[in-house]
PDB file of N, CA and C in Angstrom:
ATOM      1  N   MET A   1     -15.509 -27.904  13.189  1.00  0.00           N
ATOM      2  CA  MET A   1     -15.195 -26.604  13.780  1.00  0.00           C
ATOM      3  C   MET A   1     -14.721 -25.647  12.694  1.00  0.00           C
ATOM      4  N   PHE A   2     -14.788 -24.375  12.975  1.00  0.00           N
ATOM      5  CA  PHE A   2     -14.405 -23.351  12.006  1.00  0.00           C
ATOM      6  C   PHE A   2     -12.900 -23.105  12.049  1.00  0.00           C
ATOM      7  N   SER A   3     -12.350 -22.736  10.899  1.00  0.00           N
ATOM      8  CA  SER A   3     -10.932 -22.419  10.860  1.00  0.00           C
ATOM      9  C   SER A   3     -10.698 -21.040  11.476  1.00  0.00           C
ATOM     10  N   LYS A   4      -9.465 -20.780  11.845  1.00  0.00           N
ATOM     11  CA  LYS A   4      -9.112 -19.490  12.443  1.00  0.00           C
ATOM     12  C   LYS A   4      -9.353 -18.344  11.475  1.00  0.00           C
ATOM     13  N   ILE A   5      -9.133 -18.592  10.205  1.00  0.00           N
ATOM     14  CA  ILE A   5      -9.323 -17.543   9.202  1.00  0.00           C
ATOM     15  C   ILE A   5     -10.801 -17.178   9.100  1.00  0.00           C
ATOM     16  N   ILE A   6     -11.660 -18.174   9.046  1.00  0.00           N
ATOM     17  CA  ILE A   6     -13.103 -17.916   8.981  1.00  0.00           C
ATOM     18  C   ILE A   6     -13.564 -17.191  10.236  1.00  0.00           C
ATOM     19  N   LEU A   7     -13.109 -17.632  11.390  1.00  0.00           N
ATOM     20  CA  LEU A   7     -13.481 -16.966  12.644  1.00  0.00           C
ATOM     21  C   LEU A   7     -13.000 -15.520  12.682  1.00  0.00           C
ATOM     22  N   SER A   8     -11.796 -15.273  12.170  1.00  0.00           N
ATOM     23  CA  SER A   8     -11.263 -13.907  12.151  1.00  0.00           C
ATOM     24  C   SER A   8     -12.083 -13.011  11.234  1.00  0.00           C
ATOM     25  N   MET A   9     -12.402 -13.515  10.051  1.00  0.00           N
ATOM     26  CA  MET A   9     -13.194 -12.726   9.112  1.00  0.00           C
ATOM     27  C   MET A   9     -14.586 -12.440   9.680  1.00  0.00           C
ATOM     28  N   ALA A  10     -15.209 -13.446  10.251  1.00  0.00           N
ATOM     29  CA  ALA A  10     -16.543 -13.257  10.818  1.00  0.00           C
ATOM     30  C   ALA A  10     -16.510 -12.301  12.006  1.00  0.00           C
ATOM     31  N   ALA A  11     -15.485 -12.422  12.841  1.00  0.00           N
ATOM     32  CA  ALA A  11     -15.372 -11.537  14.008  1.00  0.00           C
ATOM     33  C   ALA A  11     -15.225 -10.085  13.578  1.00  0.00           C
ATOM     34  N   LEU A  12     -14.423  -9.838  12.548  1.00  0.00           N
ATOM     35  CA  LEU A  12     -14.274  -8.466  12.047  1.00  0.00           C
ATOM     36  C   LEU A  12     -15.600  -7.922  11.536  1.00  0.00           C
ATOM     37  N   ARG A  13     -16.365  -8.741  10.842  1.00  0.00           N
ATOM     38  CA  ARG A  13     -17.667  -8.302  10.335  1.00  0.00           C
ATOM     39  C   ARG A  13     -18.668  -8.063  11.463  1.00  0.00           C
ATOM     40  N   VAL A  14     -18.635  -8.887  12.489  1.00  0.00           N
ATOM     41  CA  VAL A  14     -19.516  -8.675  13.642  1.00  0.00           C
ATOM     42  C   VAL A  14     -19.152  -7.371  14.347  1.00  0.00           C
ATOM     43  N   ILE A  15     -17.860  -7.139  14.527  1.00  0.00           N
ATOM     44  CA  ILE A  15     -17.406  -5.889  15.159  1.00  0.00           C
ATOM     45  C   ILE A  15     -17.817  -4.689  14.308  1.00  0.00           C
ATOM     46  N   SER A  16     -17.632  -4.805  12.996  1.00  0.00           N
ATOM     47  CA  SER A  16     -18.006  -3.717  12.090  1.00  0.00           C
ATOM     48  C   SER A  16     -19.508  -3.448  12.146  1.00  0.00           C
ATOM     49  N   GLY A  17     -20.298  -4.500  12.138  1.00  0.00           N
ATOM     50  CA  GLY A  17     -21.748  -4.346  12.220  1.00  0.00           C
ATOM     51  C   GLY A  17     -22.186  -3.731  13.541  1.00  0.00           C
ATOM     52  N   THR A  18     -21.534  -4.135  14.608  1.00  0.00           N
ATOM     53  CA  THR A  18     -21.838  -3.563  15.920  1.00  0.00           C
ATOM     54  C   THR A  18     -21.513  -2.075  15.943  1.00  0.00           C
ATOM     55  N   LEU A  19     -20.377  -1.706  15.356  1.00  0.00           N
ATOM     56  CA  LEU A  19     -20.021  -0.283  15.266  1.00  0.00           C
ATOM     57  C   LEU A  19     -21.064   0.499  14.471  1.00  0.00           C
ATOM     58  N   GLU A  20     -21.565  -0.090  13.395  1.00  0.00           N
ATOM     59  CA  GLU A  20     -22.596   0.571  12.583  1.00  0.00           C
ATOM     60  C   GLU A  20     -23.867   0.802  13.398  1.00  0.00           C
ATOM     61  N   ILE A  21     -24.287  -0.194  14.132  1.00  0.00           N
ATOM     62  CA  ILE A  21     -25.501  -0.065  14.952  1.00  0.00           C
ATOM     63  C   ILE A  21     -25.294   0.960  16.059  1.00  0.00           C
ATOM     64  N   LEU A  22     -24.144   0.903  16.725  1.00  0.00           N
ATOM     65  CA  LEU A  22     -23.864   1.877  17.779  1.00  0.00           C
ATOM     66  C   LEU A  22     -23.798   3.295  17.230  1.00  0.00           C
ATOM     67  N   ALA A  23     -23.226   3.447  16.042  1.00  0.00           N
ATOM     68  CA  ALA A  23     -23.161   4.767  15.420  1.00  0.00           C
ATOM     69  C   ALA A  23     -24.559   5.279  15.091  1.00  0.00           C
ATOM     70  N   ALA A  24     -25.431   4.401  14.616  1.00  0.00           N
ATOM     71  CA  ALA A  24     -26.807   4.814  14.313  1.00  0.00           C
ATOM     72  C   ALA A  24     -27.523   5.282  15.578  1.00  0.00           C
ATOM     73  N   ILE A  25     -27.329   4.563  16.663  1.00  0.00           N
ATOM     74  CA  ILE A  25     -27.934   4.969  17.940  1.00  0.00           C
ATOM     75  C   ILE A  25     -27.359   6.301  18.399  1.00  0.00           C
ATOM     76  N   TRP A  26     -26.058   6.450  18.244  1.00  0.00           N
ATOM     77  CA  TRP A  26     -25.391   7.695  18.628  1.00  0.00           C
ATOM     78  C   TRP A  26     -25.912   8.874  17.809  1.00  0.00           C
ATOM     79  N   ILE A  27     -26.086   8.653  16.498  1.00  0.00           N
ATOM     80  CA  ILE A  27     -26.625   9.702  15.631  1.00  0.00           C
ATOM     81  C   ILE A  27     -28.016  10.117  16.100  1.00  0.00           C
ATOM     82  N   LEU A  28     -28.830   9.139  16.450  1.00  0.00           N
ATOM     83  CA  LEU A  28     -30.178   9.456  16.947  1.00  0.00           C
ATOM     84  C   LEU A  28     -30.122  10.251  18.248  1.00  0.00           C
ATOM     85  N   ARG A  29     -29.209   9.879  19.117  1.00  0.00           N
ATOM     86  CA  ARG A  29     -29.092  10.587  20.399  1.00  0.00           C
ATOM     87  C   ARG A  29     -28.547  11.997  20.232  1.00  0.00           C
ATOM     88  N   LEU A  30     -27.639  12.186  19.264  1.00  0.00           N
ATOM     89  CA  LEU A  30     -27.080  13.518  19.032  1.00  0.00           C
ATOM     90  C   LEU A  30     -28.145  14.473  18.503  1.00  0.00           C
ATOM     91  N   ASN A  31     -28.962  13.977  17.572  1.00  0.00           N
ATOM     92  CA  ASN A  31     -30.083  14.736  17.030  1.00  0.00           C
ATOM     93  C   ASN A  31     -29.654  16.070  16.419  1.00  0.00           C
ATOM     94  N   GLN A  32     -28.452  16.110  15.854  1.00  0.00           N
ATOM     95  CA  GLN A  32     -27.950  17.304  15.178  1.00  0.00           C
ATOM     96  C   GLN A  32     -27.239  16.860  13.903  1.00  0.00           C
ATOM     97  N   VAL A  33     -27.594  17.505  12.795  1.00  0.00           N
ATOM     98  CA  VAL A  33     -27.078  17.077  11.498  1.00  0.00           C
ATOM     99  C   VAL A  33     -25.556  17.195  11.429  1.00  0.00           C
ATOM    100  N   ASP A  34     -24.992  18.292  11.919  1.00  0.00           N
ATOM    101  CA  ASP A  34     -23.538  18.474  11.810  1.00  0.00           C
ATOM    102  C   ASP A  34     -22.776  17.411  12.594  1.00  0.00           C
ATOM    103  N   LYS A  35     -23.254  17.075  13.775  1.00  0.00           N
ATOM    104  CA  LYS A  35     -22.586  16.040  14.572  1.00  0.00           C
ATOM    105  C   LYS A  35     -22.829  14.652  13.979  1.00  0.00           C
ATOM    106  N   ALA A  36     -24.004  14.441  13.418  1.00  0.00           N
ATOM    107  CA  ALA A  36     -24.310  13.162  12.777  1.00  0.00           C
ATOM    108  C   ALA A  36     -23.393  12.934  11.572  1.00  0.00           C
ATOM    109  N   LEU A  37     -23.110  14.001  10.836  1.00  0.00           N
ATOM    110  CA  LEU A  37     -22.189  13.889   9.705  1.00  0.00           C
ATOM    111  C   LEU A  37     -20.782  13.518  10.161  1.00  0.00           C
ATOM    112  N   MET A  38     -20.369  14.020  11.292  1.00  0.00           N
ATOM    113  CA  MET A  38     -19.040  13.664  11.820  1.00  0.00           C
ATOM    114  C   MET A  38     -18.986  12.181  12.168  1.00  0.00           C
ATOM    115  N   VAL A  39     -20.035  11.669  12.794  1.00  0.00           N
ATOM    116  CA  VAL A  39     -20.089  10.240  13.123  1.00  0.00           C
ATOM    117  C   VAL A  39     -20.092   9.417  11.829  1.00  0.00           C
ATOM    118  N   ASN A  40     -20.880   9.849  10.862  1.00  0.00           N
ATOM    119  CA  ASN A  40     -20.964   9.146   9.585  1.00  0.00           C
ATOM    120  C   ASN A  40     -19.627   9.143   8.859  1.00  0.00           C
ATOM    121  N   THR A  41     -18.898  10.235   8.939  1.00  0.00           N
ATOM    122  CA  THR A  41     -17.579  10.313   8.316  1.00  0.00           C
ATOM    123  C   THR A  41     -16.619   9.312   8.963  1.00  0.00           C
ATOM    124  N   GLY A  42     -16.703   9.167  10.268  1.00  0.00           N
ATOM    125  CA  GLY A  42     -15.879   8.171  10.946  1.00  0.00           C
ATOM    126  C   GLY A  42     -16.180   6.760  10.448  1.00  0.00           C
ATOM    127  N   LEU A  43     -17.453   6.482  10.198  1.00  0.00           N
ATOM    128  CA  LEU A  43     -17.831   5.171   9.667  1.00  0.00           C
ATOM    129  C   LEU A  43     -17.323   4.976   8.237  1.00  0.00           C
ATOM    130  N   ALA A  44     -17.237   6.053   7.499  1.00  0.00           N
ATOM    131  CA  ALA A  44     -16.734   5.962   6.125  1.00  0.00           C
ATOM    132  C   ALA A  44     -15.280   5.516   6.098  1.00  0.00           C
ATOM    133  N   VAL A  45     -14.560   5.763   7.169  1.00  0.00           N
ATOM    134  CA  VAL A  45     -13.170   5.315   7.273  1.00  0.00           C
ATOM    135  C   VAL A  45     -13.123   3.851   7.696  1.00  0.00           C
ATOM    136  N   VAL A  46     -13.996   3.459   8.596  1.00  0.00           N
ATOM    137  CA  VAL A  46     -13.990   2.098   9.138  1.00  0.00           C
ATOM    138  C   VAL A  46     -14.374   1.068   8.074  1.00  0.00           C
ATOM    139  N   GLY A  47     -15.375   1.377   7.258  1.00  0.00           N
ATOM    140  CA  GLY A  47     -15.866   0.420   6.262  1.00  0.00           C
ATOM    141  C   GLY A  47     -14.790  -0.103   5.322  1.00  0.00           C
ATOM    142  N   PRO A  48     -14.081   0.781   4.631  1.00  0.00           N
ATOM    143  CA  PRO A  48     -13.022   0.296   3.732  1.00  0.00           C
ATOM    144  C   PRO A  48     -11.896  -0.434   4.460  1.00  0.00           C
ATOM    145  N   LEU A  49     -11.597  -0.013   5.674  1.00  0.00           N
ATOM    146  CA  LEU A  49     -10.550  -0.712   6.430  1.00  0.00           C
ATOM    147  C   LEU A  49     -10.972  -2.139   6.752  1.00  0.00           C
ATOM    148  N   VAL A  50     -12.238  -2.324   7.103  1.00  0.00           N
ATOM    149  CA  VAL A  50     -12.739  -3.675   7.382  1.00  0.00           C
ATOM    150  C   VAL A  50     -12.723  -4.497   6.100  1.00  0.00           C
ATOM    151  N   LEU A  51     -13.137  -3.905   4.986  1.00  0.00           N
ATOM    152  CA  LEU A  51     -13.095  -4.606   3.696  1.00  0.00           C
ATOM    153  C   LEU A  51     -11.680  -5.052   3.370  1.00  0.00           C
ATOM    154  N   LEU A  52     -10.743  -4.153   3.495  1.00  0.00           N
ATOM    155  CA  LEU A  52      -9.351  -4.473   3.180  1.00  0.00           C
ATOM    156  C   LEU A  52      -8.802  -5.546   4.118  1.00  0.00           C
ATOM    157  N   THR A  53      -9.098  -5.437   5.388  1.00  0.00           N
ATOM    158  CA  THR A  53      -8.590  -6.404   6.368  1.00  0.00           C
ATOM    159  C   THR A  53      -9.182  -7.791   6.155  1.00  0.00           C
ATOM    160  N   THR A  54     -10.506  -7.865   5.979  1.00  0.00           N
ATOM    161  CA  THR A  54     -11.122  -9.187   5.776  1.00  0.00           C
ATOM    162  C   THR A  54     -10.665  -9.810   4.456  1.00  0.00           C
ATOM    163  N   THR A  55     -10.499  -8.994   3.426  1.00  0.00           N
ATOM    164  CA  THR A  55     -10.009  -9.507   2.148  1.00  0.00           C
ATOM    165  C   THR A  55      -8.585 -10.031   2.292  1.00  0.00           C
ATOM    166  N   THR A  56      -7.758  -9.296   3.011  1.00  0.00           N
ATOM    167  CA  THR A  56      -6.373  -9.731   3.237  1.00  0.00           C
ATOM    168  C   THR A  56      -6.337 -11.047   4.000  1.00  0.00           C
ATOM    169  N   ILE A  57      -7.127 -11.151   5.039  1.00  0.00           N
ATOM    170  CA  ILE A  57      -7.168 -12.397   5.812  1.00  0.00           C
ATOM    171  C   ILE A  57      -7.628 -13.555   4.925  1.00  0.00           C
ATOM    172  N   GLY A  58      -8.657 -13.315   4.128  1.00  0.00           N
ATOM    173  CA  GLY A  58      -9.149 -14.353   3.217  1.00  0.00           C
ATOM    174  C   GLY A  58      -8.110 -14.763   2.200  1.00  0.00           C
ATOM    175  N   LEU A  59      -7.390 -13.787   1.656  1.00  0.00           N
ATOM    176  CA  LEU A  59      -6.347 -14.104   0.675  1.00  0.00           C
ATOM    177  C   LEU A  59      -5.206 -14.900   1.292  1.00  0.00           C
ATOM    178  N   VAL A  60      -4.874 -14.571   2.517  1.00  0.00           N
ATOM    179  CA  VAL A  60      -3.844 -15.351   3.215  1.00  0.00           C
ATOM    180  C   VAL A  60      -4.301 -16.801   3.360  1.00  0.00           C
ATOM    181  N   GLY A  61      -5.594 -16.970   3.623  1.00  0.00           N
ATOM    182  CA  GLY A  61      -6.140 -18.317   3.800  1.00  0.00           C
ATOM    183  C   GLY A  61      -6.150 -19.150   2.541  1.00  0.00           C
ATOM    184  N   ILE A  62      -6.256 -18.513   1.371  1.00  0.00           N
ATOM    185  CA  ILE A  62      -6.296 -19.286   0.119  1.00  0.00           C
ATOM    186  C   ILE A  62      -5.056 -19.099  -0.738  1.00  0.00           C
ATOM    187  N   ALA A  63      -4.065 -18.424  -0.228  1.00  0.00           N
ATOM    188  CA  ALA A  63      -2.867 -18.108  -1.021  1.00  0.00           C
ATOM    189  C   ALA A  63      -2.198 -19.354  -1.589  1.00  0.00           C
ATOM    190  N   ASP A  64      -2.209 -20.436  -0.863  1.00  0.00           N
ATOM    191  CA  ASP A  64      -1.553 -21.649  -1.344  1.00  0.00           C
ATOM    192  C   ASP A  64      -2.425 -22.433  -2.321  1.00  0.00           C
ATOM    193  N   LYS A  65      -3.694 -22.033  -2.487  1.00  0.00           N
ATOM    194  CA  LYS A  65      -4.621 -22.781  -3.331  1.00  0.00           C
ATOM    195  C   LYS A  65      -4.893 -22.122  -4.681  1.00  0.00           C
ATOM    196  N   ILE A  66      -4.464 -20.871  -4.863  1.00  0.00           N
ATOM    197  CA  ILE A  66      -4.745 -20.190  -6.126  1.00  0.00           C
ATOM    198  C   ILE A  66      -3.439 -19.816  -6.825  1.00  0.00           C
ATOM    199  N   SER A  67      -3.559 -19.654  -8.127  1.00  0.00           N
ATOM    200  CA  SER A  67      -2.365 -19.299  -8.912  1.00  0.00           C
ATOM    201  C   SER A  67      -2.015 -17.831  -8.695  1.00  0.00           C
ATOM    202  N   LEU A  68      -0.804 -17.500  -9.071  1.00  0.00           N
ATOM    203  CA  LEU A  68      -0.334 -16.123  -8.951  1.00  0.00           C
ATOM    204  C   LEU A  68      -1.162 -15.184  -9.833  1.00  0.00           C
ATOM    205  N   GLY A  69      -1.584 -15.667 -10.993  1.00  0.00           N
ATOM    206  CA  GLY A  69      -2.413 -14.870 -11.893  1.00  0.00           C
ATOM    207  C   GLY A  69      -3.764 -14.514 -11.272  1.00  0.00           C
ATOM    208  N   LYS A  70      -4.419 -15.486 -10.662  1.00  0.00           N
ATOM    209  CA  LYS A  70      -5.700 -15.229  -9.999  1.00  0.00           C
ATOM    210  C   LYS A  70      -5.515 -14.295  -8.807  1.00  0.00           C
ATOM    211  N   PHE A  71      -4.435 -14.480  -8.097  1.00  0.00           N
ATOM    212  CA  PHE A  71      -4.124 -13.611  -6.964  1.00  0.00           C
ATOM    213  C   PHE A  71      -3.979 -12.164  -7.433  1.00  0.00           C
ATOM    214  N   ALA A  72      -3.294 -11.975  -8.560  1.00  0.00           N
ATOM    215  CA  ALA A  72      -3.112 -10.632  -9.120  1.00  0.00           C
ATOM    216  C   ALA A  72      -4.454 -10.025  -9.518  1.00  0.00           C
ATOM    217  N   TRP A  73      -5.346 -10.824 -10.121  1.00  0.00           N
ATOM    218  CA  TRP A  73      -6.670 -10.315 -10.494  1.00  0.00           C
ATOM    219  C   TRP A  73      -7.477  -9.893  -9.279  1.00  0.00           C
ATOM    220  N   ILE A  74      -7.347 -10.624  -8.196  1.00  0.00           N
ATOM    221  CA  ILE A  74      -8.046 -10.247  -6.960  1.00  0.00           C
ATOM    222  C   ILE A  74      -7.523  -8.906  -6.455  1.00  0.00           C
ATOM    223  N   ILE A  75      -6.208  -8.733  -6.465  1.00  0.00           N
ATOM    224  CA  ILE A  75      -5.606  -7.467  -6.031  1.00  0.00           C
ATOM    225  C   ILE A  75      -6.079  -6.319  -6.928  1.00  0.00           C
ATOM    226  N   VAL A  76      -6.130  -6.558  -8.240  1.00  0.00           N
ATOM    227  CA  VAL A  76      -6.615  -5.535  -9.172  1.00  0.00           C
ATOM    228  C   VAL A  76      -8.068  -5.186  -8.861  1.00  0.00           C
ATOM    229  N   GLY A  77      -8.890  -6.194  -8.602  1.00  0.00           N
ATOM    230  CA  GLY A  77     -10.299  -5.960  -8.294  1.00  0.00           C
ATOM    231  C   GLY A  77     -10.489  -5.142  -7.028  1.00  0.00           C
ATOM    232  N   VAL A  78      -9.780  -5.487  -5.984  1.00  0.00           N
ATOM    233  CA  VAL A  78      -9.881  -4.736  -4.728  1.00  0.00           C
ATOM    234  C   VAL A  78      -9.368  -3.312  -4.928  1.00  0.00           C
ATOM    235  N   SER A  79      -8.304  -3.173  -5.716  1.00  0.00           N
ATOM    236  CA  SER A  79      -7.792  -1.817  -6.007  1.00  0.00           C
ATOM    237  C   SER A  79      -8.833  -0.989  -6.747  1.00  0.00           C
ATOM    238  N   CYS A  80      -9.544  -1.597  -7.686  1.00  0.00           N
ATOM    239  CA  CYS A  80     -10.593  -0.880  -8.407  1.00  0.00           C
ATOM    240  C   CYS A  80     -11.708  -0.424  -7.461  1.00  0.00           C
ATOM    241  N   ILE A  81     -12.055  -1.256  -6.510  1.00  0.00           N
ATOM    242  CA  ILE A  81     -13.071  -0.881  -5.527  1.00  0.00           C
ATOM    243  C   ILE A  81     -12.615   0.367  -4.769  1.00  0.00           C
ATOM    244  N   PHE A  82     -11.369   0.363  -4.323  1.00  0.00           N
ATOM    245  CA  PHE A  82     -10.872   1.504  -3.557  1.00  0.00           C
ATOM    246  C   PHE A  82     -10.737   2.764  -4.423  1.00  0.00           C
ATOM    247  N   ILE A  83     -10.340   2.595  -5.665  1.00  0.00           N
ATOM    248  CA  ILE A  83     -10.264   3.751  -6.560  1.00  0.00           C
ATOM    249  C   ILE A  83     -11.668   4.326  -6.760  1.00  0.00           C
ATOM    250  N   GLY A  84     -12.646   3.462  -6.935  1.00  0.00           N
ATOM    251  CA  GLY A  84     -14.026   3.920  -7.091  1.00  0.00           C
ATOM    252  C   GLY A  84     -14.556   4.627  -5.850  1.00  0.00           C
ATOM    253  N   ILE A  85     -14.167   4.173  -4.695  1.00  0.00           N
ATOM    254  CA  ILE A  85     -14.626   4.792  -3.438  1.00  0.00           C
ATOM    255  C   ILE A  85     -13.954   6.133  -3.239  1.00  0.00           C
ATOM    256  N   LEU A  86     -12.678   6.210  -3.512  1.00  0.00           N
ATOM    257  CA  LEU A  86     -11.909   7.398  -3.186  1.00  0.00           C
ATOM    258  C   LEU A  86     -11.951   8.505  -4.250  1.00  0.00           C
ATOM    259  N   LYS A  87     -12.310   8.160  -5.485  1.00  0.00           N
ATOM    260  CA  LYS A  87     -12.388   9.184  -6.541  1.00  0.00           C
ATOM    261  C   LYS A  87     -13.576  10.091  -6.299  1.00  0.00           C
ATOM    262  N   LYS A  88     -13.393  11.367  -6.587  1.00  0.00           N
ATOM    263  CA  LYS A  88     -14.487  12.330  -6.411  1.00  0.00           C
ATOM    264  C   LYS A  88     -15.111  12.660  -7.726  1.00  0.00           C
TER     265      LYS A  88
END
């Protein structure tokens, strides 16, 4: 059977993917560029939040198995991803 951490991470990704598909359908139904951009902007907020949440859950699951140094490198890596996303 799957662990709770794996199930939680997978469930978040399924929910995120479902939101992406529903947003695409919604964009098609709206059929207006300005409204489609608003929907797309909402998805731009959801994506990084799902990344951060699933990464946090995963780190909690392996926290007892990795050294503090490796844990710090993971945090630095995720921070770099967010800096790259948020920088203009």
